[in-house]
Amino acid sequence: MAESSSCADYTTCDSCTDNSTYTHYCHWCSFDNACHAVGSVYGCAYGVSCYAIDSCMRQSPEPRGDLPPPAGATAGVLCLAASLLMCMSCCLLVSCKVKDAYLNLLPRGQGGG
């Protein structure tokens, strides 16, 4: 397309951005699908990219090996650790109580207590 006299003369996103010059600094606005001069009261604050959405999207998923484990697995490990800690605490408490009960059964001179 030849040099236009204004941004409004461009009818496609590509022609709007490709032919933008120092005298006509244009960008494409998505709200009305039209070309406007940057700073125009009829335009938009920021122009959009003219690339088709297909060129921005992956055609197939890409595997990623550096992802953290799922939240459910992390929660399961934390629950298991908390259960083991509680079980060990109970075992220690019971063993101390059994020891105290045994020492209380012995005559005062034999138990060391």
PDB file of N, CA and C in Angstrom:
ATOM      1  N   MET A   1       0.858  -1.179   0.000  1.00  0.00           N
ATOM      2  CA  MET A   1       0.000   0.000   0.000  1.00  0.00           C
ATOM      3  C   MET A   1       0.894   1.229   0.000  1.00  0.00           C
ATOM      4  N   ALA A   2       0.534   2.212  -0.739  1.00  0.00           N
ATOM      5  CA  ALA A   2       1.317   3.451  -0.819  1.00  0.00           C
ATOM      6  C   ALA A   2       1.166   4.240   0.465  1.00  0.00           C
ATOM      7  N   GLU A   3       2.031   5.183   0.664  1.00  0.00           N
ATOM      8  CA  GLU A   3       2.006   6.028   1.857  1.00  0.00           C
ATOM      9  C   GLU A   3       0.636   6.682   1.989  1.00  0.00           C
ATOM     10  N   SER A   4       0.005   6.504   3.119  1.00  0.00           N
ATOM     11  CA  SER A   4      -1.333   7.037   3.343  1.00  0.00           C
ATOM     12  C   SER A   4      -1.251   8.412   3.981  1.00  0.00           C
ATOM     13  N   SER A   5      -2.347   9.147   3.881  1.00  0.00           N
ATOM     14  CA  SER A   5      -2.361  10.485   4.467  1.00  0.00           C
ATOM     15  C   SER A   5      -2.720  10.453   5.949  1.00  0.00           C
ATOM     16  N   SER A   6      -3.368   9.378   6.414  1.00  0.00           N
ATOM     17  CA  SER A   6      -3.690   9.275   7.839  1.00  0.00           C
ATOM     18  C   SER A   6      -3.754   7.805   8.238  1.00  0.00           C
ATOM     19  N   CYS A   7      -3.712   7.574   9.517  1.00  0.00           N
ATOM     20  CA  CYS A   7      -3.763   6.196  10.025  1.00  0.00           C
ATOM     21  C   CYS A   7      -5.101   5.550   9.715  1.00  0.00           C
ATOM     22  N   ALA A   8      -6.176   6.308   9.682  1.00  0.00           N
ATOM     23  CA  ALA A   8      -7.512   5.760   9.448  1.00  0.00           C
ATOM     24  C   ALA A   8      -7.646   5.145   8.066  1.00  0.00           C
ATOM     25  N   ASP A   9      -6.736   5.461   7.141  1.00  0.00           N
ATOM     26  CA  ASP A   9      -6.805   4.898   5.797  1.00  0.00           C
ATOM     27  C   ASP A   9      -6.382   3.433   5.744  1.00  0.00           C
ATOM     28  N   TYR A  10      -5.678   2.956   6.769  1.00  0.00           N
ATOM     29  CA  TYR A  10      -5.234   1.561   6.790  1.00  0.00           C
ATOM     30  C   TYR A  10      -6.382   0.695   7.295  1.00  0.00           C
ATOM     31  N   THR A  11      -6.672  -0.380   6.579  1.00  0.00           N
ATOM     32  CA  THR A  11      -7.837  -1.203   6.914  1.00  0.00           C
ATOM     33  C   THR A  11      -7.482  -2.538   7.558  1.00  0.00           C
ATOM     34  N   THR A  12      -6.198  -2.888   7.615  1.00  0.00           N
ATOM     35  CA  THR A  12      -5.797  -4.138   8.261  1.00  0.00           C
ATOM     36  C   THR A  12      -4.749  -3.845   9.326  1.00  0.00           C
ATOM     37  N   CYS A  13      -4.634  -4.742  10.250  1.00  0.00           N
ATOM     38  CA  CYS A  13      -3.665  -4.582  11.337  1.00  0.00           C
ATOM     39  C   CYS A  13      -2.245  -4.524  10.783  1.00  0.00           C
ATOM     40  N   ASP A  14      -1.941  -5.429   9.855  1.00  0.00           N
ATOM     41  CA  ASP A  14      -0.584  -5.463   9.289  1.00  0.00           C
ATOM     42  C   ASP A  14      -0.233  -4.176   8.565  1.00  0.00           C
ATOM     43  N   SER A  15      -1.153  -3.683   7.737  1.00  0.00           N
ATOM     44  CA  SER A  15      -0.847  -2.454   6.999  1.00  0.00           C
ATOM     45  C   SER A  15      -0.730  -1.268   7.950  1.00  0.00           C
ATOM     46  N   CYS A  16      -1.491  -1.285   9.015  1.00  0.00           N
ATOM     47  CA  CYS A  16      -1.452  -0.196   9.998  1.00  0.00           C
ATOM     48  C   CYS A  16      -0.085  -0.117  10.666  1.00  0.00           C
ATOM     49  N   THR A  17       0.412  -1.242  11.126  1.00  0.00           N
ATOM     50  CA  THR A  17       1.681  -1.221  11.864  1.00  0.00           C
ATOM     51  C   THR A  17       2.893  -1.207  10.944  1.00  0.00           C
ATOM     52  N   ASP A  18       2.767  -1.840   9.770  1.00  0.00           N
ATOM     53  CA  ASP A  18       3.907  -1.880   8.834  1.00  0.00           C
ATOM     54  C   ASP A  18       4.197  -0.523   8.217  1.00  0.00           C
ATOM     55  N   ASN A  19       3.181   0.271   7.988  1.00  0.00           N
ATOM     56  CA  ASN A  19       3.356   1.550   7.317  1.00  0.00           C
ATOM     57  C   ASN A  19       3.398   2.731   8.276  1.00  0.00           C
ATOM     58  N   SER A  20       3.488   2.446   9.547  1.00  0.00           N
ATOM     59  CA  SER A  20       3.596   3.517  10.527  1.00  0.00           C
ATOM     60  C   SER A  20       4.946   4.208  10.360  1.00  0.00           C
ATOM     61  N   THR A  21       4.929   5.534  10.245  1.00  0.00           N
ATOM     62  CA  THR A  21       6.157   6.307  10.038  1.00  0.00           C
ATOM     63  C   THR A  21       6.264   7.381  11.106  1.00  0.00           C
ATOM     64  N   TYR A  22       7.289   8.198  10.990  1.00  0.00           N
ATOM     65  CA  TYR A  22       7.451   9.294  11.945  1.00  0.00           C
ATOM     66  C   TYR A  22       6.345  10.325  11.811  1.00  0.00           C
ATOM     67  N   THR A  23       5.806  10.484  10.618  1.00  0.00           N
ATOM     68  CA  THR A  23       4.733  11.457  10.439  1.00  0.00           C
ATOM     69  C   THR A  23       3.378  10.887  10.818  1.00  0.00           C
ATOM     70  N   HIS A  24       3.207   9.572  10.667  1.00  0.00           N
ATOM     71  CA  HIS A  24       1.948   8.911  11.042  1.00  0.00           C
ATOM     72  C   HIS A  24       2.301   7.724  11.928  1.00  0.00           C
ATOM     73  N   TYR A  25       2.402   7.932  13.220  1.00  0.00           N
ATOM     74  CA  TYR A  25       2.711   6.826  14.119  1.00  0.00           C
ATOM     75  C   TYR A  25       1.392   6.190  14.509  1.00  0.00           C
ATOM     76  N   CYS A  26       1.115   5.021  13.928  1.00  0.00           N
ATOM     77  CA  CYS A  26      -0.190   4.375  14.068  1.00  0.00           C
ATOM     78  C   CYS A  26      -0.088   3.077  14.862  1.00  0.00           C
ATOM     79  N   HIS A  27      -1.223   2.715  15.446  1.00  0.00           N
ATOM     80  CA  HIS A  27      -1.343   1.381  16.044  1.00  0.00           C
ATOM     81  C   HIS A  27      -2.773   0.885  15.875  1.00  0.00           C
ATOM     82  N   TRP A  28      -2.909  -0.449  15.949  1.00  0.00           N
ATOM     83  CA  TRP A  28      -4.198  -1.100  15.730  1.00  0.00           C
ATOM     84  C   TRP A  28      -4.904  -1.256  17.062  1.00  0.00           C
ATOM     85  N   CYS A  29      -6.165  -0.846  17.114  1.00  0.00           N
ATOM     86  CA  CYS A  29      -6.960  -0.936  18.346  1.00  0.00           C
ATOM     87  C   CYS A  29      -7.966  -2.076  18.217  1.00  0.00           C
ATOM     88  N   SER A  30      -7.993  -2.947  19.217  1.00  0.00           N
ATOM     89  CA  SER A  30      -8.833  -4.142  19.133  1.00  0.00           C
ATOM     90  C   SER A  30     -10.304  -3.852  19.425  1.00  0.00           C
ATOM     91  N   PHE A  31     -10.605  -2.776  20.140  1.00  0.00           N
ATOM     92  CA  PHE A  31     -11.999  -2.545  20.515  1.00  0.00           C
ATOM     93  C   PHE A  31     -12.870  -2.204  19.298  1.00  0.00           C
ATOM     94  N   ASP A  32     -12.281  -1.595  18.263  1.00  0.00           N
ATOM     95  CA  ASP A  32     -13.060  -1.288  17.064  1.00  0.00           C
ATOM     96  C   ASP A  32     -12.421  -1.842  15.791  1.00  0.00           C
ATOM     97  N   ASN A  33     -11.333  -2.612  15.959  1.00  0.00           N
ATOM     98  CA  ASN A  33     -10.606  -3.185  14.822  1.00  0.00           C
ATOM     99  C   ASN A  33     -10.311  -2.131  13.760  1.00  0.00           C
ATOM    100  N   ALA A  34      -9.674  -1.073  14.215  1.00  0.00           N
ATOM    101  CA  ALA A  34      -9.334   0.022  13.312  1.00  0.00           C
ATOM    102  C   ALA A  34      -7.956   0.561  13.654  1.00  0.00           C
ATOM    103  N   CYS A  35      -7.384   1.261  12.684  1.00  0.00           N
ATOM    104  CA  CYS A  35      -6.069   1.870  12.853  1.00  0.00           C
ATOM    105  C   CYS A  35      -6.248   3.304  13.327  1.00  0.00           C
ATOM    106  N   HIS A  36      -5.529   3.671  14.369  1.00  0.00           N
ATOM    107  CA  HIS A  36      -5.624   5.023  14.931  1.00  0.00           C
ATOM    108  C   HIS A  36      -4.222   5.565  15.164  1.00  0.00           C
ATOM    109  N   ALA A  37      -4.106   6.867  15.160  1.00  0.00           N
ATOM    110  CA  ALA A  37      -2.843   7.504  15.511  1.00  0.00           C
ATOM    111  C   ALA A  37      -2.606   7.315  17.004  1.00  0.00           C
ATOM    112  N   VAL A  38      -1.371   7.089  17.373  1.00  0.00           N
ATOM    113  CA  VAL A  38      -1.034   6.942  18.787  1.00  0.00           C
ATOM    114  C   VAL A  38      -1.352   8.265  19.484  1.00  0.00           C
ATOM    115  N   GLY A  39      -2.081   8.173  20.579  1.00  0.00           N
ATOM    116  CA  GLY A  39      -2.466   9.373  21.318  1.00  0.00           C
ATOM    117  C   GLY A  39      -3.786   9.969  20.873  1.00  0.00           C
ATOM    118  N   SER A  40      -4.419   9.401  19.853  1.00  0.00           N
ATOM    119  CA  SER A  40      -5.694   9.907  19.368  1.00  0.00           C
ATOM    120  C   SER A  40      -6.775   9.694  20.417  1.00  0.00           C
ATOM    121  N   VAL A  41      -7.674  10.654  20.562  1.00  0.00           N
ATOM    122  CA  VAL A  41      -8.765  10.518  21.525  1.00  0.00           C
ATOM    123  C   VAL A  41      -9.765   9.459  21.086  1.00  0.00           C
ATOM    124  N   TYR A  42      -9.757   9.108  19.807  1.00  0.00           N
ATOM    125  CA  TYR A  42     -10.668   8.090  19.289  1.00  0.00           C
ATOM    126  C   TYR A  42     -10.052   6.694  19.326  1.00  0.00           C
ATOM    127  N   GLY A  43      -8.780   6.606  19.604  1.00  0.00           N
ATOM    128  CA  GLY A  43      -8.077   5.326  19.594  1.00  0.00           C
ATOM    129  C   GLY A  43      -8.030   4.685  20.967  1.00  0.00           C
ATOM    130  N   CYS A  44      -7.011   3.897  21.168  1.00  0.00           N
ATOM    131  CA  CYS A  44      -6.834   3.184  22.430  1.00  0.00           C
ATOM    132  C   CYS A  44      -5.493   3.575  23.044  1.00  0.00           C
ATOM    133  N   ALA A  45      -5.332   3.282  24.312  1.00  0.00           N
ATOM    134  CA  ALA A  45      -4.088   3.634  24.999  1.00  0.00           C
ATOM    135  C   ALA A  45      -2.924   2.794  24.491  1.00  0.00           C
ATOM    136  N   TYR A  46      -3.183   1.509  24.225  1.00  0.00           N
ATOM    137  CA  TYR A  46      -2.144   0.599  23.756  1.00  0.00           C
ATOM    138  C   TYR A  46      -2.664  -0.183  22.562  1.00  0.00           C
ATOM    139  N   GLY A  47      -1.878  -0.233  21.519  1.00  0.00           N
ATOM    140  CA  GLY A  47      -2.238  -1.027  20.356  1.00  0.00           C
ATOM    141  C   GLY A  47      -2.004  -2.503  20.615  1.00  0.00           C
ATOM    142  N   VAL A  48      -2.581  -3.330  19.763  1.00  0.00           N
ATOM    143  CA  VAL A  48      -2.439  -4.777  19.924  1.00  0.00           C
ATOM    144  C   VAL A  48      -1.422  -5.328  18.938  1.00  0.00           C
ATOM    145  N   SER A  49      -0.953  -6.536  19.210  1.00  0.00           N
ATOM    146  CA  SER A  49      -0.048  -7.223  18.307  1.00  0.00           C
ATOM    147  C   SER A  49      -0.842  -7.775  17.134  1.00  0.00           C
ATOM    148  N   CYS A  50      -0.266  -7.746  15.974  1.00  0.00           N
ATOM    149  CA  CYS A  50      -0.962  -8.236  14.777  1.00  0.00           C
ATOM    150  C   CYS A  50      -0.732  -9.715  14.520  1.00  0.00           C
ATOM    151  N   TYR A  51       0.049 -10.374  15.349  1.00  0.00           N
ATOM    152  CA  TYR A  51       0.276 -11.800  15.150  1.00  0.00           C
ATOM    153  C   TYR A  51      -1.013 -12.554  15.398  1.00  0.00           C
ATOM    154  N   ALA A  52      -1.249 -13.551  14.597  1.00  0.00           N
ATOM    155  CA  ALA A  52      -2.427 -14.395  14.796  1.00  0.00           C
ATOM    156  C   ALA A  52      -2.242 -15.200  16.071  1.00  0.00           C
ATOM    157  N   ILE A  53      -3.335 -15.497  16.729  1.00  0.00           N
ATOM    158  CA  ILE A  53      -3.264 -16.252  17.980  1.00  0.00           C
ATOM    159  C   ILE A  53      -2.665 -17.636  17.743  1.00  0.00           C
ATOM    160  N   ASP A  54      -2.819 -18.183  16.542  1.00  0.00           N
ATOM    161  CA  ASP A  54      -2.265 -19.505  16.238  1.00  0.00           C
ATOM    162  C   ASP A  54      -0.747 -19.518  16.323  1.00  0.00           C
ATOM    163  N   SER A  55      -0.111 -18.406  16.004  1.00  0.00           N
ATOM    164  CA  SER A  55       1.350 -18.383  16.036  1.00  0.00           C
ATOM    165  C   SER A  55       1.882 -18.250  17.464  1.00  0.00           C
ATOM    166  N   CYS A  56       1.015 -17.902  18.397  1.00  0.00           N
ATOM    167  CA  CYS A  56       1.444 -17.748  19.790  1.00  0.00           C
ATOM    168  C   CYS A  56       1.206 -19.007  20.618  1.00  0.00           C
ATOM    169  N   MET A  57       0.365 -19.901  20.131  1.00  0.00           N
ATOM    170  CA  MET A  57       0.014 -21.088  20.908  1.00  0.00           C
ATOM    171  C   MET A  57       0.812 -22.296  20.443  1.00  0.00           C
ATOM    172  N   ARG A  58       1.211 -23.144  21.402  1.00  0.00           N
ATOM    173  CA  ARG A  58       1.883 -24.393  21.059  1.00  0.00           C
ATOM    174  C   ARG A  58       0.875 -25.332  20.420  1.00  0.00           C
ATOM    175  N   GLN A  59       1.334 -26.084  19.446  1.00  0.00           N
ATOM    176  CA  GLN A  59       0.464 -27.043  18.777  1.00  0.00           C
ATOM    177  C   GLN A  59       0.276 -28.306  19.616  1.00  0.00           C
ATOM    178  N   SER A  60       1.271 -28.641  20.432  1.00  0.00           N
ATOM    179  CA  SER A  60       1.159 -29.800  21.308  1.00  0.00           C
ATOM    180  C   SER A  60       1.855 -29.463  22.628  1.00  0.00           C
ATOM    181  N   PRO A  61       1.467 -30.118  23.707  1.00  0.00           N
ATOM    182  CA  PRO A  61       2.075 -29.829  25.004  1.00  0.00           C
ATOM    183  C   PRO A  61       3.557 -30.184  25.030  1.00  0.00           C
ATOM    184  N   GLU A  62       4.309 -29.436  25.800  1.00  0.00           N
ATOM    185  CA  GLU A  62       5.734 -29.711  25.966  1.00  0.00           C
ATOM    186  C   GLU A  62       5.958 -30.255  27.373  1.00  0.00           C
ATOM    187  N   PRO A  63       6.653 -31.389  27.488  1.00  0.00           N
ATOM    188  CA  PRO A  63       6.902 -31.939  28.832  1.00  0.00           C
ATOM    189  C   PRO A  63       7.858 -31.056  29.616  1.00  0.00           C
ATOM    190  N   ARG A  64       7.598 -30.977  30.914  1.00  0.00           N
ATOM    191  CA  ARG A  64       8.478 -30.205  31.782  1.00  0.00           C
ATOM    192  C   ARG A  64       8.893 -31.096  32.945  1.00  0.00           C
ATOM    193  N   GLY A  65      10.182 -31.207  33.157  1.00  0.00           N
ATOM    194  CA  GLY A  65      10.684 -32.065  34.219  1.00  0.00           C
ATOM    195  C   GLY A  65      11.015 -31.319  35.498  1.00  0.00           C
ATOM    196  N   ASP A  66      10.944 -30.003  35.481  1.00  0.00           N
ATOM    197  CA  ASP A  66      11.371 -29.241  36.643  1.00  0.00           C
ATOM    198  C   ASP A  66      10.214 -28.737  37.499  1.00  0.00           C
ATOM    199  N   LEU A  67       9.025 -29.347  37.356  1.00  0.00           N
ATOM    200  CA  LEU A  67       7.879 -28.915  38.140  1.00  0.00           C
ATOM    201  C   LEU A  67       7.941 -29.514  39.542  1.00  0.00           C
ATOM    202  N   PRO A  68       7.455 -28.774  40.532  1.00  0.00           N
ATOM    203  CA  PRO A  68       7.420 -29.334  41.895  1.00  0.00           C
ATOM    204  C   PRO A  68       6.357 -30.430  41.971  1.00  0.00           C
ATOM    205  N   PRO A  69       6.422 -31.274  42.994  1.00  0.00           N
ATOM    206  CA  PRO A  69       5.411 -32.324  43.131  1.00  0.00           C
ATOM    207  C   PRO A  69       4.038 -31.699  43.371  1.00  0.00           C
ATOM    208  N   PRO A  70       2.975 -32.412  43.055  1.00  0.00           N
ATOM    209  CA  PRO A  70       1.634 -31.870  43.276  1.00  0.00           C
ATOM    210  C   PRO A  70       1.388 -31.598  44.754  1.00  0.00           C
ATOM    211  N   ALA A  71       0.486 -30.683  45.026  1.00  0.00           N
ATOM    212  CA  ALA A  71       0.198 -30.278  46.405  1.00  0.00           C
ATOM    213  C   ALA A  71      -0.307 -31.451  47.235  1.00  0.00           C
ATOM    214  N   GLY A  72      -1.046 -32.365  46.632  1.00  0.00           N
ATOM    215  CA  GLY A  72      -1.563 -33.525  47.362  1.00  0.00           C
ATOM    216  C   GLY A  72      -0.443 -34.415  47.872  1.00  0.00           C
ATOM    217  N   ALA A  73       0.590 -34.602  47.074  1.00  0.00           N
ATOM    218  CA  ALA A  73       1.718 -35.435  47.493  1.00  0.00           C
ATOM    219  C   ALA A  73       2.469 -34.760  48.642  1.00  0.00           C
ATOM    220  N   THR A  74       2.645 -33.468  48.547  1.00  0.00           N
ATOM    221  CA  THR A  74       3.333 -32.730  49.613  1.00  0.00           C
ATOM    222  C   THR A  74       2.531 -32.805  50.907  1.00  0.00           C
ATOM    223  N   ALA A  75       1.216 -32.630  50.813  1.00  0.00           N
ATOM    224  CA  ALA A  75       0.362 -32.700  51.999  1.00  0.00           C
ATOM    225  C   ALA A  75       0.399 -34.104  52.597  1.00  0.00           C
ATOM    226  N   GLY A  76       0.432 -35.134  51.755  1.00  0.00           N
ATOM    227  CA  GLY A  76       0.495 -36.505  52.250  1.00  0.00           C
ATOM    228  C   GLY A  76       1.779 -36.780  53.007  1.00  0.00           C
ATOM    229  N   VAL A  77       2.898 -36.296  52.488  1.00  0.00           N
ATOM    230  CA  VAL A  77       4.184 -36.482  53.164  1.00  0.00           C
ATOM    231  C   VAL A  77       4.193 -35.746  54.503  1.00  0.00           C
ATOM    232  N   LEU A  78       3.640 -34.547  54.532  1.00  0.00           N
ATOM    233  CA  LEU A  78       3.582 -33.798  55.791  1.00  0.00           C
ATOM    234  C   LEU A  78       2.694 -34.498  56.816  1.00  0.00           C
ATOM    235  N   CYS A  79       1.564 -35.051  56.396  1.00  0.00           N
ATOM    236  CA  CYS A  79       0.687 -35.792  57.316  1.00  0.00           C
ATOM    237  C   CYS A  79       1.390 -37.035  57.850  1.00  0.00           C
ATOM    238  N   LEU A  80       2.105 -37.737  56.993  1.00  0.00           N
ATOM    239  CA  LEU A  80       2.839 -38.919  57.430  1.00  0.00           C
ATOM    240  C   LEU A  80       3.921 -38.544  58.448  1.00  0.00           C
ATOM    241  N   ALA A  81       4.640 -37.477  58.180  1.00  0.00           N
ATOM    242  CA  ALA A  81       5.686 -37.032  59.107  1.00  0.00           C
ATOM    243  C   ALA A  81       5.087 -36.629  60.450  1.00  0.00           C
ATOM    244  N   ALA A  82       3.953 -35.925  60.423  1.00  0.00           N
ATOM    245  CA  ALA A  82       3.301 -35.514  61.671  1.00  0.00           C
ATOM    246  C   ALA A  82       2.810 -36.734  62.449  1.00  0.00           C
ATOM    247  N   SER A  83       2.279 -37.733  61.741  1.00  0.00           N
ATOM    248  CA  SER A  83       1.806 -38.956  62.406  1.00  0.00           C
ATOM    249  C   SER A  83       2.965 -39.712  63.052  1.00  0.00           C
ATOM    250  N   LEU A  84       4.086 -39.816  62.342  1.00  0.00           N
ATOM    251  CA  LEU A  84       5.248 -40.502  62.914  1.00  0.00           C
ATOM    252  C   LEU A  84       5.780 -39.763  64.139  1.00  0.00           C
ATOM    253  N   LEU A  85       5.811 -38.457  64.070  1.00  0.00           N
ATOM    254  CA  LEU A  85       6.287 -37.670  65.207  1.00  0.00           C
ATOM    255  C   LEU A  85       5.374 -37.852  66.415  1.00  0.00           C
ATOM    256  N   MET A  86       4.068 -37.876  66.180  1.00  0.00           N
ATOM    257  CA  MET A  86       3.119 -38.069  67.279  1.00  0.00           C
ATOM    258  C   MET A  86       3.263 -39.471  67.870  1.00  0.00           C
ATOM    259  N   CYS A  87       3.426 -40.471  67.028  1.00  0.00           N
ATOM    260  CA  CYS A  87       3.588 -41.849  67.492  1.00  0.00           C
ATOM    261  C   CYS A  87       4.860 -41.996  68.326  1.00  0.00           C
ATOM    262  N   MET A  88       5.942 -41.386  67.848  1.00  0.00           N
ATOM    263  CA  MET A  88       7.200 -41.465  68.598  1.00  0.00           C
ATOM    264  C   MET A  88       7.086 -40.757  69.945  1.00  0.00           C
ATOM    265  N   SER A  89       6.366 -39.630  69.980  1.00  0.00           N
ATOM    266  CA  SER A  89       6.170 -38.910  71.238  1.00  0.00           C
ATOM    267  C   SER A  89       5.359 -39.741  72.220  1.00  0.00           C
ATOM    268  N   CYS A  90       4.319 -40.413  71.716  1.00  0.00           N
ATOM    269  CA  CYS A  90       3.506 -41.268  72.585  1.00  0.00           C
ATOM    270  C   CYS A  90       4.328 -42.439  73.123  1.00  0.00           C
ATOM    271  N   CYS A  91       5.154 -43.050  72.285  1.00  0.00           N
ATOM    272  CA  CYS A  91       6.000 -44.157  72.723  1.00  0.00           C
ATOM    273  C   CYS A  91       6.975 -43.700  73.809  1.00  0.00           C
ATOM    274  N   LEU A  92       7.548 -42.544  73.645  1.00  0.00           N
ATOM    275  CA  LEU A  92       8.469 -42.009  74.649  1.00  0.00           C
ATOM    276  C   LEU A  92       7.742 -41.740  75.961  1.00  0.00           C
ATOM    277  N   LEU A  93       6.556 -41.170  75.883  1.00  0.00           N
ATOM    278  CA  LEU A  93       5.773 -40.875  77.091  1.00  0.00           C
ATOM    279  C   LEU A  93       5.413 -42.167  77.827  1.00  0.00           C
ATOM    280  N   VAL A  94       4.955 -43.169  77.066  1.00  0.00           N
ATOM    281  CA  VAL A  94       4.585 -44.444  77.696  1.00  0.00           C
ATOM    282  C   VAL A  94       5.801 -45.111  78.336  1.00  0.00           C
ATOM    283  N   SER A  95       6.945 -45.085  77.641  1.00  0.00           N
ATOM    284  CA  SER A  95       8.137 -45.723  78.213  1.00  0.00           C
ATOM    285  C   SER A  95       8.593 -45.008  79.485  1.00  0.00           C
ATOM    286  N   CYS A  96       8.469 -43.690  79.527  1.00  0.00           N
ATOM    287  CA  CYS A  96       8.838 -42.954  80.758  1.00  0.00           C
ATOM    288  C   CYS A  96       7.890 -43.294  81.907  1.00  0.00           C
ATOM    289  N   LYS A  97       6.586 -43.417  81.607  1.00  0.00           N
ATOM    290  CA  LYS A  97       5.604 -43.745  82.643  1.00  0.00           C
ATOM    291  C   LYS A  97       5.808 -45.168  83.163  1.00  0.00           C
ATOM    292  N   VAL A  98       6.125 -46.108  82.259  1.00  0.00           N
ATOM    293  CA  VAL A  98       6.382 -47.485  82.678  1.00  0.00           C
ATOM    294  C   VAL A  98       7.621 -47.536  83.558  1.00  0.00           C
ATOM    295  N   LYS A  99       8.650 -46.797  83.183  1.00  0.00           N
ATOM    296  CA  LYS A  99       9.871 -46.761  83.992  1.00  0.00           C
ATOM    297  C   LYS A  99       9.579 -46.193  85.374  1.00  0.00           C
ATOM    298  N   ASP A 100       8.809 -45.094  85.428  1.00  0.00           N
ATOM    299  CA  ASP A 100       8.465 -44.496  86.725  1.00  0.00           C
ATOM    300  C   ASP A 100       7.642 -45.459  87.579  1.00  0.00           C
ATOM    301  N   ALA A 101       6.705 -46.172  86.947  1.00  0.00           N
ATOM    302  CA  ALA A 101       5.883 -47.125  87.694  1.00  0.00           C
ATOM    303  C   ALA A 101       6.745 -48.261  88.227  1.00  0.00           C
ATOM    304  N   TYR A 102       7.681 -48.747  87.440  1.00  0.00           N
ATOM    305  CA  TYR A 102       8.581 -49.809  87.883  1.00  0.00           C
ATOM    306  C   TYR A 102       9.441 -49.345  89.055  1.00  0.00           C
ATOM    307  N   LEU A 103       9.975 -48.138  88.926  1.00  0.00           N
ATOM    308  CA  LEU A 103      10.816 -47.622  90.018  1.00  0.00           C
ATOM    309  C   LEU A 103      10.019 -47.399  91.291  1.00  0.00           C
ATOM    310  N   ASN A 104       8.735 -47.082  91.169  1.00  0.00           N
ATOM    311  CA  ASN A 104       7.897 -46.880  92.371  1.00  0.00           C
ATOM    312  C   ASN A 104       7.571 -48.201  93.059  1.00  0.00           C
ATOM    313  N   LEU A 105       7.621 -49.322  92.319  1.00  0.00           N
ATOM    314  CA  LEU A 105       7.358 -50.619  92.913  1.00  0.00           C
ATOM    315  C   LEU A 105       8.534 -51.143  93.726  1.00  0.00           C
ATOM    316  N   LEU A 106       9.729 -50.720  93.398  1.00  0.00           N
ATOM    317  CA  LEU A 106      10.922 -51.179  94.103  1.00  0.00           C
ATOM    318  C   LEU A 106      11.037 -50.494  95.459  1.00  0.00           C
ATOM    319  N   PRO A 107      11.646 -51.200  96.422  1.00  0.00           N
ATOM    320  CA  PRO A 107      11.913 -50.539  97.699  1.00  0.00           C
ATOM    321  C   PRO A 107      12.833 -49.340  97.486  1.00  0.00           C
ATOM    322  N   ARG A 108      12.776 -48.392  98.347  1.00  0.00           N
ATOM    323  CA  ARG A 108      13.482 -47.114  98.194  1.00  0.00           C
ATOM    324  C   ARG A 108      14.992 -47.276  97.987  1.00  0.00           C
ATOM    325  N   GLY A 109      15.612 -48.203  98.482  1.00  0.00           N
ATOM    326  CA  GLY A 109      17.048 -48.353  98.357  1.00  0.00           C
ATOM    327  C   GLY A 109      17.511 -48.980  97.046  1.00  0.00           C
ATOM    328  N   GLN A 110      16.658 -49.749  96.379  1.00  0.00           N
ATOM    329  CA  GLN A 110      17.064 -50.479  95.205  1.00  0.00           C
ATOM    330  C   GLN A 110      16.836 -49.720  93.894  1.00  0.00           C
ATOM    331  N   GLY A 111      15.878 -48.845  93.871  1.00  0.00           N
ATOM    332  CA  GLY A 111      15.501 -48.192  92.610  1.00  0.00           C
ATOM    333  C   GLY A 111      16.356 -46.991  92.271  1.00  0.00           C
ATOM    334  N   GLY A 112      17.147 -46.565  93.135  1.00  0.00           N
ATOM    335  CA  GLY A 112      17.978 -45.410  92.874  1.00  0.00           C
ATOM    336  C   GLY A 112      17.149 -44.129  92.972  1.00  0.00           C
ATOM    337  N   GLY A 113      15.943 -44.194  93.466  1.00  0.00           N
ATOM    338  CA  GLY A 113      15.102 -43.007  93.481  1.00  0.00           C
ATOM    339  C   GLY A 113      14.654 -42.686  94.807  1.00  0.00           C
TER     340      GLY A 113
END
